[in-house]
N, C-alpha and C. Protein backbone atom coordinates (compact mmCIF):
# COMPACT_ATOMS: atom_id res chain seq x y z
N MET A 1 0.63 -1.35 -0.09
CA MET A 1 0.19 0.13 0.01
C MET A 1 0.94 1.45 -0.09
N ALA A 2 0.53 2.41 -0.77
CA ALA A 2 0.94 3.76 -0.93
C ALA A 2 0.81 4.39 0.21
N GLU A 3 2.07 5.14 0.93
CA GLU A 3 1.89 5.78 2.24
C GLU A 3 1.16 7.37 1.97
N GLU A 4 0.57 7.59 2.49
CA GLU A 4 -0.46 8.74 2.77
C GLU A 4 -0.12 9.35 4.06
N LYS A 5 -0.40 10.48 3.73
CA LYS A 5 -0.72 11.71 5.11
C LYS A 5 -1.85 10.93 6.53
N TYR A 6 -1.38 11.31 7.63
CA TYR A 6 -2.76 10.71 8.56
C TYR A 6 -2.10 11.86 9.65
N ASN A 7 -3.16 12.21 10.49
CA ASN A 7 -3.20 12.84 12.02
C ASN A 7 -3.46 11.95 13.41
N GLY A 8 -2.37 12.10 13.95
CA GLY A 8 -1.97 11.07 15.18
C GLY A 8 -1.74 11.23 16.72
N TYR A 9 -2.28 11.10 17.41
CA TYR A 9 -1.81 11.76 18.60
C TYR A 9 -0.47 10.98 19.11
N CYS A 10 0.73 11.75 19.33
CA CYS A 10 1.79 10.98 19.55
C CYS A 10 1.56 11.18 21.68
N VAL A 11 2.39 9.83 21.37
CA VAL A 11 1.82 9.16 23.04
C VAL A 11 3.41 10.34 23.76
N LYS A 12 4.63 9.77 23.09
CA LYS A 12 6.04 10.53 23.62
C LYS A 12 5.81 12.29 23.60
N CYS A 13 5.12 13.19 22.46
CA CYS A 13 5.24 14.30 22.59
C CYS A 13 4.30 14.59 23.37
N LYS A 14 2.66 13.92 23.71
CA LYS A 14 1.70 14.44 23.61
C LYS A 14 1.46 15.31 23.43
N GLU A 15 1.29 15.25 22.22
CA GLU A 15 0.67 16.15 21.17
C GLU A 15 0.11 15.73 19.61
N LYS A 16 -1.15 15.97 19.40
CA LYS A 16 -1.03 15.73 17.57
C LYS A 16 0.03 16.25 16.76
N ARG A 17 -0.11 15.25 15.90
CA ARG A 17 0.95 15.33 14.59
C ARG A 17 0.55 14.57 13.25
N ASP A 18 0.93 14.84 12.51
CA ASP A 18 0.97 14.71 11.06
C ASP A 18 1.83 13.91 10.77
N PHE A 19 1.71 12.42 9.99
CA PHE A 19 2.78 11.46 10.04
C PHE A 19 2.54 10.92 8.71
N THR A 20 3.91 10.51 7.87
CA THR A 20 3.46 9.66 6.73
C THR A 20 3.17 7.92 7.21
N GLY A 21 2.18 7.30 6.86
CA GLY A 21 2.04 6.20 7.06
C GLY A 21 1.24 4.98 6.35
N LYS A 22 1.48 3.98 6.72
CA LYS A 22 1.17 2.72 6.15
C LYS A 22 -0.37 1.87 6.67
N VAL A 23 -1.36 1.85 5.91
CA VAL A 23 -2.47 0.60 6.81
C VAL A 23 -2.03 -0.21 6.41
N GLU A 24 -2.56 -0.56 7.85
CA GLU A 24 -1.98 -2.19 8.08
C GLU A 24 -3.14 -2.34 8.94
N ILE A 25 -3.72 -4.01 9.11
CA ILE A 25 -4.51 -4.55 9.83
C ILE A 25 -4.10 -5.47 10.92
N SER A 26 -4.93 -4.68 12.20
CA SER A 26 -4.55 -4.88 13.07
C SER A 26 -5.19 -6.76 13.69
N LYS A 27 -4.97 -7.64 14.89
CA LYS A 27 -5.05 -8.45 15.19
C LYS A 27 -6.38 -8.67 15.55
N THR A 28 -7.32 -7.56 15.70
CA THR A 28 -8.32 -7.76 15.99
C THR A 28 -9.39 -7.45 14.94
N GLY A 29 -9.09 -6.96 13.54
CA GLY A 29 -9.06 -6.53 12.28
C GLY A 29 -9.60 -5.07 11.90
N MET A 30 -9.20 -4.52 13.05
CA MET A 30 -9.27 -2.82 12.91
C MET A 30 -8.06 -2.28 11.89
N ARG A 31 -8.73 -1.77 10.91
CA ARG A 31 -7.82 -0.89 9.67
C ARG A 31 -7.11 0.16 10.77
N MET A 32 -5.46 0.42 10.87
CA MET A 32 -4.62 1.17 11.11
C MET A 32 -3.49 1.94 10.49
N ALA A 33 -3.48 3.29 10.70
CA ALA A 33 -1.85 3.72 9.95
C ALA A 33 -1.32 3.83 11.21
N LYS A 34 0.14 3.50 10.54
CA LYS A 34 1.21 3.06 11.35
C LYS A 34 1.98 3.89 10.69
N GLY A 35 3.23 4.72 11.39
CA GLY A 35 4.21 5.79 10.84
C GLY A 35 4.80 6.16 11.83
N PRO A 36 6.23 6.52 11.50
CA PRO A 36 6.91 7.56 12.49
C PRO A 36 6.46 8.67 13.21
N CYS A 37 6.55 9.53 14.17
CA CYS A 37 6.47 10.83 14.55
C CYS A 37 7.97 11.46 13.37
N PRO A 38 7.07 13.06 13.10
CA PRO A 38 8.38 13.46 12.45
C PRO A 38 9.46 14.40 13.64
N VAL A 39 8.66 14.55 15.11
CA VAL A 39 9.86 14.91 15.71
C VAL A 39 10.80 14.43 16.40
N CYS A 40 10.21 12.95 17.20
CA CYS A 40 10.62 11.86 18.29
C CYS A 40 10.77 10.75 17.71
N GLY A 41 10.55 10.10 16.51
CA GLY A 41 10.38 9.27 15.52
C GLY A 41 10.04 7.92 16.23
N THR A 42 9.15 8.28 17.33
CA THR A 42 8.19 7.18 17.96
C THR A 42 6.92 6.73 17.17
N THR A 43 6.34 5.60 16.94
CA THR A 43 5.78 5.04 16.07
C THR A 43 4.27 5.36 16.79
N VAL A 44 3.39 6.39 15.63
CA VAL A 44 2.28 6.71 16.28
C VAL A 44 1.74 5.94 15.52
N ASN A 45 0.29 5.21 16.06
CA ASN A 45 -0.88 4.80 15.20
C ASN A 45 -2.14 5.47 15.34
N ARG A 46 -2.66 5.47 14.52
CA ARG A 46 -3.98 5.98 13.91
C ARG A 46 -5.36 4.63 13.76
N ILE A 47 -6.21 4.84 14.46
CA ILE A 47 -7.44 3.58 14.32
C ILE A 47 -8.03 4.20 13.13
N LEU A 48 -8.28 3.51 12.45
CA LEU A 48 -9.39 3.87 11.14
C LEU A 48 -10.55 3.41 10.80
N GLY A 49 -11.16 2.70 11.52
CA GLY A 49 -12.26 1.40 11.58
C GLY A 49 -12.32 0.19 11.01
N LYS A 50 -13.35 -0.56 10.95
CA LYS A 50 -13.63 -1.53 10.72
C LYS A 50 -12.91 -1.86 9.50
N ALA A 51 -12.11 -3.40 8.85
CA ALA A 51 -11.75 -3.12 7.74
C ALA A 51 -12.94 -3.84 7.05
């Protein structure tokens, strides 16, 4: 899948950040965007809904 821009909450920075990530399917069947935080580099997740 292509990388796209998403907005998610960075737990380390404690702020919402725009990040570039890929959509993955979690173990529970939810679609989620995963990518690195542009400031600190921690993985940021954004849950998008049911697959």
